[in-house]
């Protein structure tokens, strides 16, 4: 997994936690930290999380060979 993919995964996890907090407790952590939903910094964070989600969506549909995963070979003996 490349560095970009790891950062995208981290941002997606942050976004998922934020949505969980909104859903369960009606608390927007990103807005609370960065000064409300309309602040420029919060909007940048929301945008980065959205882009990270698109990167992870692309990773979801990549063949396993491109991701470096290989299935263990079994021998018939």
PDB file of N, CA and C in Angstrom:
ATOM      1  N   UNK A   1       0.848  -1.167   0.000  1.00  0.00           N
ATOM      2  CA  UNK A   1       0.000   0.000   0.000  1.00  0.00           C
ATOM      3  C   UNK A   1       0.900   1.239   0.000  1.00  0.00           C
ATOM      4  N   UNK A   2       0.636   2.148  -0.910  1.00  0.00           N
ATOM      5  CA  UNK A   2       1.477   3.337  -1.033  1.00  0.00           C
ATOM      6  C   UNK A   2       1.157   4.347   0.077  1.00  0.00           C
ATOM      7  N   UNK A   3       2.016   5.336   0.197  1.00  0.00           N
ATOM      8  CA  UNK A   3       1.808   6.373   1.202  1.00  0.00           C
ATOM      9  C   UNK A   3       0.519   7.141   0.973  1.00  0.00           C
ATOM     10  N   UNK A   4       0.212   7.444  -0.298  1.00  0.00           N
ATOM     11  CA  UNK A   4      -1.023   8.152  -0.625  1.00  0.00           C
ATOM     12  C   UNK A   4      -2.243   7.331  -0.216  1.00  0.00           C
ATOM     13  N   UNK A   5      -2.190   6.040  -0.457  1.00  0.00           N
ATOM     14  CA  UNK A   5      -3.303   5.172  -0.090  1.00  0.00           C
ATOM     15  C   UNK A   5      -3.474   5.098   1.419  1.00  0.00           C
ATOM     16  N   UNK A   6      -2.377   5.095   2.152  1.00  0.00           N
ATOM     17  CA  UNK A   6      -2.462   5.077   3.616  1.00  0.00           C
ATOM     18  C   UNK A   6      -3.068   6.367   4.153  1.00  0.00           C
ATOM     19  N   UNK A   7      -2.660   7.506   3.588  1.00  0.00           N
ATOM     20  CA  UNK A   7      -3.233   8.791   4.009  1.00  0.00           C
ATOM     21  C   UNK A   7      -4.713   8.836   3.662  1.00  0.00           C
ATOM     22  N   UNK A   8      -5.061   8.351   2.472  1.00  0.00           N
ATOM     23  CA  UNK A   8      -6.468   8.323   2.071  1.00  0.00           C
ATOM     24  C   UNK A   8      -7.280   7.438   3.012  1.00  0.00           C
ATOM     25  N   UNK A   9      -6.729   6.303   3.392  1.00  0.00           N
ATOM     26  CA  UNK A   9      -7.426   5.416   4.314  1.00  0.00           C
ATOM     27  C   UNK A   9      -7.607   6.082   5.679  1.00  0.00           C
ATOM     28  N   UNK A  10      -6.565   6.759   6.157  1.00  0.00           N
ATOM     29  CA  UNK A  10      -6.657   7.460   7.435  1.00  0.00           C
ATOM     30  C   UNK A  10      -7.729   8.549   7.398  1.00  0.00           C
ATOM     31  N   UNK A  11      -7.755   9.337   6.330  1.00  0.00           N
ATOM     32  CA  UNK A  11      -8.769  10.385   6.207  1.00  0.00           C
ATOM     33  C   UNK A  11     -10.178   9.801   6.096  1.00  0.00           C
ATOM     34  N   UNK A  12     -10.305   8.667   5.425  1.00  0.00           N
ATOM     35  CA  UNK A  12     -11.607   8.016   5.318  1.00  0.00           C
ATOM     36  C   UNK A  12     -12.065   7.512   6.682  1.00  0.00           C
ATOM     37  N   UNK A  13     -11.161   6.993   7.466  1.00  0.00           N
ATOM     38  CA  UNK A  13     -11.500   6.546   8.822  1.00  0.00           C
ATOM     39  C   UNK A  13     -11.920   7.736   9.683  1.00  0.00           C
ATOM     40  N   UNK A  14     -11.198   8.850   9.566  1.00  0.00           N
ATOM     41  CA  UNK A  14     -11.581  10.057  10.304  1.00  0.00           C
ATOM     42  C   UNK A  14     -12.983  10.494   9.899  1.00  0.00           C
ATOM     43  N   UNK A  15     -13.260  10.472   8.605  1.00  0.00           N
ATOM     44  CA  UNK A  15     -14.593  10.833   8.123  1.00  0.00           C
ATOM     45  C   UNK A  15     -15.666   9.892   8.645  1.00  0.00           C
ATOM     46  N   UNK A  16     -15.364   8.615   8.684  1.00  0.00           N
ATOM     47  CA  UNK A  16     -16.334   7.640   9.186  1.00  0.00           C
ATOM     48  C   UNK A  16     -16.611   7.857  10.670  1.00  0.00           C
ATOM     49  N   UNK A  17     -15.566   8.147  11.432  1.00  0.00           N
ATOM     50  CA  UNK A  17     -15.757   8.422  12.865  1.00  0.00           C
ATOM     51  C   UNK A  17     -16.600   9.684  13.036  1.00  0.00           C
ATOM     52  N   UNK A  18     -16.319  10.713  12.233  1.00  0.00           N
ATOM     53  CA  UNK A  18     -17.081  11.956  12.319  1.00  0.00           C
ATOM     54  C   UNK A  18     -18.560  11.708  11.990  1.00  0.00           C
ATOM     55  N   UNK A  19     -18.832  10.938  10.939  1.00  0.00           N
ATOM     56  CA  UNK A  19     -20.217  10.621  10.594  1.00  0.00           C
ATOM     57  C   UNK A  19     -20.880   9.787  11.676  1.00  0.00           C
ATOM     58  N   UNK A  20     -20.146   8.904  12.310  1.00  0.00           N
ATOM     59  CA  UNK A  20     -20.708   8.140  13.427  1.00  0.00           C
ATOM     60  C   UNK A  20     -21.088   9.044  14.582  1.00  0.00           C
ATOM     61  N   UNK A  21     -20.228  10.014  14.889  1.00  0.00           N
ATOM     62  CA  UNK A  21     -20.542  10.965  15.952  1.00  0.00           C
ATOM     63  C   UNK A  21     -21.766  11.810  15.595  1.00  0.00           C
ATOM     64  N   UNK A  22     -21.867  12.202  14.337  1.00  0.00           N
ATOM     65  CA  UNK A  22     -23.036  12.976  13.908  1.00  0.00           C
ATOM     66  C   UNK A  22     -24.303  12.125  14.021  1.00  0.00           C
ATOM     67  N   UNK A  23     -24.222  10.886  13.576  1.00  0.00           N
ATOM     68  CA  UNK A  23     -25.392  10.014  13.599  1.00  0.00           C
ATOM     69  C   UNK A  23     -25.859   9.641  14.989  1.00  0.00           C
ATOM     70  N   UNK A  24     -24.929   9.335  15.866  1.00  0.00           N
ATOM     71  CA  UNK A  24     -25.305   8.872  17.201  1.00  0.00           C
ATOM     72  C   UNK A  24     -25.504   9.996  18.213  1.00  0.00           C
ATOM     73  N   UNK A  25     -24.716  11.060  18.083  1.00  0.00           N
ATOM     74  CA  UNK A  25     -24.722  12.091  19.121  1.00  0.00           C
ATOM     75  C   UNK A  25     -25.008  13.498  18.612  1.00  0.00           C
ATOM     76  N   UNK A  26     -25.262  13.647  17.300  1.00  0.00           N
ATOM     77  CA  UNK A  26     -25.473  14.951  16.675  1.00  0.00           C
ATOM     78  C   UNK A  26     -24.330  15.916  17.007  1.00  0.00           C
ATOM     79  N   UNK A  27     -23.105  15.393  16.943  1.00  0.00           N
ATOM     80  CA  UNK A  27     -21.912  16.176  17.243  1.00  0.00           C
ATOM     81  C   UNK A  27     -20.943  16.072  16.080  1.00  0.00           C
ATOM     82  N   UNK A  28     -20.642  17.200  15.453  1.00  0.00           N
ATOM     83  CA  UNK A  28     -19.710  17.251  14.333  1.00  0.00           C
ATOM     84  C   UNK A  28     -18.333  17.638  14.870  1.00  0.00           C
ATOM     85  N   UNK A  29     -17.459  16.648  15.017  1.00  0.00           N
ATOM     86  CA  UNK A  29     -16.142  16.870  15.601  1.00  0.00           C
ATOM     87  C   UNK A  29     -15.288  17.802  14.746  1.00  0.00           C
ATOM     88  N   UNK A  30     -15.327  17.646  13.435  1.00  0.00           N
ATOM     89  CA  UNK A  30     -14.534  18.494  12.547  1.00  0.00           C
ATOM     90  C   UNK A  30     -14.969  19.952  12.697  1.00  0.00           C
ATOM     91  N   UNK A  31     -16.274  20.178  12.710  1.00  0.00           N
ATOM     92  CA  UNK A  31     -16.781  21.546  12.871  1.00  0.00           C
ATOM     93  C   UNK A  31     -16.415  22.100  14.245  1.00  0.00           C
ATOM     94  N   UNK A  32     -16.455  21.264  15.261  1.00  0.00           N
ATOM     95  CA  UNK A  32     -16.120  21.718  16.611  1.00  0.00           C
ATOM     96  C   UNK A  32     -14.646  22.102  16.722  1.00  0.00           C
ATOM     97  N   UNK A  33     -13.781  21.353  16.077  1.00  0.00           N
ATOM     98  CA  UNK A  33     -12.345  21.627  16.154  1.00  0.00           C
ATOM     99  C   UNK A  33     -11.964  22.839  15.308  1.00  0.00           C
ATOM    100  N   UNK A  34     -12.554  22.951  14.119  1.00  0.00           N
ATOM    101  CA  UNK A  34     -12.104  23.957  13.162  1.00  0.00           C
ATOM    102  C   UNK A  34     -13.028  25.153  13.021  1.00  0.00           C
ATOM    103  N   UNK A  35     -13.935  25.369  13.952  1.00  0.00           N
ATOM    104  CA  UNK A  35     -14.695  26.612  13.974  1.00  0.00           C
ATOM    105  C   UNK A  35     -15.996  26.621  13.203  1.00  0.00           C
ATOM    106  N   UNK A  36     -16.672  25.512  13.126  1.00  0.00           N
ATOM    107  CA  UNK A  36     -17.974  25.465  12.460  1.00  0.00           C
ATOM    108  C   UNK A  36     -17.886  24.915  11.059  1.00  0.00           C
ATOM    109  N   UNK A  37     -19.036  24.474  10.540  1.00  0.00           N
ATOM    110  CA  UNK A  37     -19.062  23.859   9.218  1.00  0.00           C
ATOM    111  C   UNK A  37     -18.741  24.839   8.100  1.00  0.00           C
ATOM    112  N   UNK A  38     -18.973  26.119   8.333  1.00  0.00           N
ATOM    113  CA  UNK A  38     -18.749  27.113   7.284  1.00  0.00           C
ATOM    114  C   UNK A  38     -17.335  27.685   7.271  1.00  0.00           C
ATOM    115  N   UNK A  39     -16.508  27.298   8.234  1.00  0.00           N
ATOM    116  CA  UNK A  39     -15.135  27.829   8.247  1.00  0.00           C
ATOM    117  C   UNK A  39     -14.341  27.211   7.098  1.00  0.00           C
ATOM    118  N   UNK A  40     -13.388  27.972   6.602  1.00  0.00           N
ATOM    119  CA  UNK A  40     -12.590  27.525   5.458  1.00  0.00           C
ATOM    120  C   UNK A  40     -11.818  26.248   5.782  1.00  0.00           C
ATOM    121  N   UNK A  41     -11.257  26.166   6.982  1.00  0.00           N
ATOM    122  CA  UNK A  41     -10.463  24.996   7.346  1.00  0.00           C
ATOM    123  C   UNK A  41     -11.321  23.735   7.436  1.00  0.00           C
ATOM    124  N   UNK A  42     -12.510  23.865   8.004  1.00  0.00           N
ATOM    125  CA  UNK A  42     -13.410  22.707   8.084  1.00  0.00           C
ATOM    126  C   UNK A  42     -13.819  22.259   6.688  1.00  0.00           C
ATOM    127  N   UNK A  43     -14.089  23.196   5.800  1.00  0.00           N
ATOM    128  CA  UNK A  43     -14.470  22.832   4.432  1.00  0.00           C
ATOM    129  C   UNK A  43     -13.326  22.145   3.703  1.00  0.00           C
ATOM    130  N   UNK A  44     -12.087  22.561   3.991  1.00  0.00           N
ATOM    131  CA  UNK A  44     -10.921  21.893   3.400  1.00  0.00           C
ATOM    132  C   UNK A  44     -10.839  20.453   3.906  1.00  0.00           C
ATOM    133  N   UNK A  45     -11.048  20.264   5.207  1.00  0.00           N
ATOM    134  CA  UNK A  45     -11.015  18.912   5.777  1.00  0.00           C
ATOM    135  C   UNK A  45     -12.103  18.051   5.149  1.00  0.00           C
ATOM    136  N   UNK A  46     -13.326  18.585   5.042  1.00  0.00           N
ATOM    137  CA  UNK A  46     -14.418  17.837   4.407  1.00  0.00           C
ATOM    138  C   UNK A  46     -14.061  17.469   2.965  1.00  0.00           C
ATOM    139  N   UNK A  47     -13.447  18.407   2.247  1.00  0.00           N
ATOM    140  CA  UNK A  47     -13.038  18.137   0.873  1.00  0.00           C
ATOM    141  C   UNK A  47     -11.974  17.060   0.787  1.00  0.00           C
ATOM    142  N   UNK A  48     -10.992  17.108   1.683  1.00  0.00           N
ATOM    143  CA  UNK A  48      -9.937  16.092   1.692  1.00  0.00           C
ATOM    144  C   UNK A  48     -10.494  14.709   2.019  1.00  0.00           C
ATOM    145  N   UNK A  49     -11.448  14.659   2.945  1.00  0.00           N
ATOM    146  CA  UNK A  49     -12.071  13.373   3.279  1.00  0.00           C
ATOM    147  C   UNK A  49     -12.841  12.837   2.078  1.00  0.00           C
ATOM    148  N   UNK A  50     -13.521  13.713   1.354  1.00  0.00           N
ATOM    149  CA  UNK A  50     -14.235  13.291   0.147  1.00  0.00           C
ATOM    150  C   UNK A  50     -13.301  12.752  -0.922  1.00  0.00           C
ATOM    151  N   UNK A  51     -12.190  13.442  -1.145  1.00  0.00           N
ATOM    152  CA  UNK A  51     -11.197  12.974  -2.124  1.00  0.00           C
ATOM    153  C   UNK A  51     -10.608  11.638  -1.685  1.00  0.00           C
ATOM    154  N   UNK A  52     -10.359  11.506  -0.378  1.00  0.00           N
ATOM    155  CA  UNK A  52      -9.824  10.239   0.143  1.00  0.00           C
ATOM    156  C   UNK A  52     -10.812   9.100  -0.101  1.00  0.00           C
ATOM    157  N   UNK A  53     -12.091   9.382   0.046  1.00  0.00           N
ATOM    158  CA  UNK A  53     -13.094   8.361  -0.232  1.00  0.00           C
ATOM    159  C   UNK A  53     -13.064   7.925  -1.686  1.00  0.00           C
ATOM    160  N   UNK A  54     -12.870   8.868  -2.600  1.00  0.00           N
ATOM    161  CA  UNK A  54     -12.775   8.522  -4.021  1.00  0.00           C
ATOM    162  C   UNK A  54     -11.529   7.695  -4.310  1.00  0.00           C
ATOM    163  N   UNK A  55     -10.424   8.034  -3.666  1.00  0.00           N
ATOM    164  CA  UNK A  55      -9.195   7.245  -3.837  1.00  0.00           C
ATOM    165  C   UNK A  55      -9.422   5.821  -3.343  1.00  0.00           C
ATOM    166  N   UNK A  56     -10.073   5.687  -2.192  1.00  0.00           N
ATOM    167  CA  UNK A  56     -10.337   4.345  -1.661  1.00  0.00           C
ATOM    168  C   UNK A  56     -11.334   3.593  -2.519  1.00  0.00           C
ATOM    169  N   UNK A  57     -12.263   4.299  -3.139  1.00  0.00           N
ATOM    170  CA  UNK A  57     -13.204   3.653  -4.053  1.00  0.00           C
ATOM    171  C   UNK A  57     -12.448   3.068  -5.247  1.00  0.00           C
ATOM    172  N   UNK A  58     -11.476   3.810  -5.756  1.00  0.00           N
ATOM    173  CA  UNK A  58     -10.667   3.306  -6.864  1.00  0.00           C
ATOM    174  C   UNK A  58      -9.855   2.083  -6.432  1.00  0.00           C
ATOM    175  N   UNK A  59      -9.344   2.096  -5.204  1.00  0.00           N
ATOM    176  CA  UNK A  59      -8.573   0.963  -4.688  1.00  0.00           C
ATOM    177  C   UNK A  59      -9.455  -0.275  -4.582  1.00  0.00           C
ATOM    178  N   UNK A  60     -10.715  -0.083  -4.243  1.00  0.00           N
ATOM    179  CA  UNK A  60     -11.650  -1.199  -4.078  1.00  0.00           C
ATOM    180  C   UNK A  60     -11.776  -2.020  -5.353  1.00  0.00           C
ATOM    181  N   UNK A  61     -11.697  -1.357  -6.503  1.00  0.00           N
ATOM    182  CA  UNK A  61     -11.919  -2.054  -7.772  1.00  0.00           C
ATOM    183  C   UNK A  61     -10.627  -2.432  -8.499  1.00  0.00           C
ATOM    184  N   UNK A  62      -9.470  -2.207  -7.872  1.00  0.00           N
ATOM    185  CA  UNK A  62      -8.210  -2.624  -8.483  1.00  0.00           C
ATOM    186  C   UNK A  62      -8.050  -4.133  -8.351  1.00  0.00           C
ATOM    187  N   UNK A  63      -7.503  -4.754  -9.373  1.00  0.00           N
ATOM    188  CA  UNK A  63      -7.214  -6.193  -9.249  1.00  0.00           C
ATOM    189  C   UNK A  63      -6.197  -6.445  -8.138  1.00  0.00           C
ATOM    190  N   UNK A  64      -6.270  -7.597  -7.537  1.00  0.00           N
ATOM    191  CA  UNK A  64      -5.392  -7.940  -6.417  1.00  0.00           C
ATOM    192  C   UNK A  64      -3.920  -7.899  -6.822  1.00  0.00           C
ATOM    193  N   UNK A  65      -3.614  -8.209  -8.083  1.00  0.00           N
ATOM    194  CA  UNK A  65      -2.221  -8.219  -8.522  1.00  0.00           C
ATOM    195  C   UNK A  65      -1.626  -6.818  -8.446  1.00  0.00           C
ATOM    196  N   UNK A  66      -2.417  -5.788  -8.741  1.00  0.00           N
ATOM    197  CA  UNK A  66      -1.913  -4.421  -8.707  1.00  0.00           C
ATOM    198  C   UNK A  66      -1.693  -3.941  -7.281  1.00  0.00           C
ATOM    199  N   UNK A  67      -2.382  -4.526  -6.329  1.00  0.00           N
ATOM    200  CA  UNK A  67      -2.245  -4.125  -4.939  1.00  0.00           C
ATOM    201  C   UNK A  67      -1.103  -4.848  -4.234  1.00  0.00           C
ATOM    202  N   UNK A  68      -0.503  -5.821  -4.913  1.00  0.00           N
ATOM    203  CA  UNK A  68       0.618  -6.528  -4.326  1.00  0.00           C
ATOM    204  C   UNK A  68       0.199  -7.735  -3.507  1.00  0.00           C
ATOM    205  N   UNK A  69      -1.072  -8.049  -3.531  1.00  0.00           N
ATOM    206  CA  UNK A  69      -1.544  -9.216  -2.783  1.00  0.00           C
ATOM    207  C   UNK A  69      -1.456 -10.441  -3.676  1.00  0.00           C
ATOM    208  N   UNK A  70      -0.979 -11.505  -3.128  1.00  0.00           N
ATOM    209  CA  UNK A  70      -0.941 -12.748  -3.858  1.00  0.00           C
ATOM    210  C   UNK A  70      -1.576 -13.833  -3.003  1.00  0.00           C
ATOM    211  N   UNK A  71      -2.255 -14.701  -3.658  1.00  0.00           N
ATOM    212  CA  UNK A  71      -2.858 -15.823  -2.965  1.00  0.00           C
ATOM    213  C   UNK A  71      -1.797 -16.878  -2.683  1.00  0.00           C
ATOM    214  N   UNK A  72      -1.834 -17.508  -1.519  1.00  0.00           N
ATOM    215  CA  UNK A  72      -0.856 -18.550  -1.253  1.00  0.00           C
ATOM    216  C   UNK A  72      -1.049 -19.728  -2.203  1.00  0.00           C
ATOM    217  N   UNK A  73       0.070 -20.212  -2.691  1.00  0.00           N
ATOM    218  CA  UNK A  73       0.007 -21.350  -3.605  1.00  0.00           C
ATOM    219  C   UNK A  73      -0.071 -22.633  -2.805  1.00  0.00           C
ATOM    220  N   UNK A  74      -0.976 -23.491  -3.225  1.00  0.00           N
ATOM    221  CA  UNK A  74      -1.090 -24.790  -2.564  1.00  0.00           C
ATOM    222  C   UNK A  74      -0.641 -25.857  -3.557  1.00  0.00           C
ATOM    223  N   UNK A  75       0.034 -26.836  -3.051  1.00  0.00           N
ATOM    224  CA  UNK A  75       0.489 -27.913  -3.925  1.00  0.00           C
ATOM    225  C   UNK A  75      -0.282 -29.170  -3.597  1.00  0.00           C
ATOM    226  N   UNK A  76      -0.558 -29.911  -4.642  1.00  0.00           N
ATOM    227  CA  UNK A  76      -1.253 -31.190  -4.469  1.00  0.00           C
ATOM    228  C   UNK A  76      -0.214 -32.295  -4.316  1.00  0.00           C
ATOM    229  N   UNK A  77      -0.060 -32.765  -3.127  1.00  0.00           N
ATOM    230  CA  UNK A  77       0.891 -33.857  -2.933  1.00  0.00           C
ATOM    231  C   UNK A  77       0.287 -34.945  -2.115  1.00  0.00           C
TER     232      UNK A  77
END
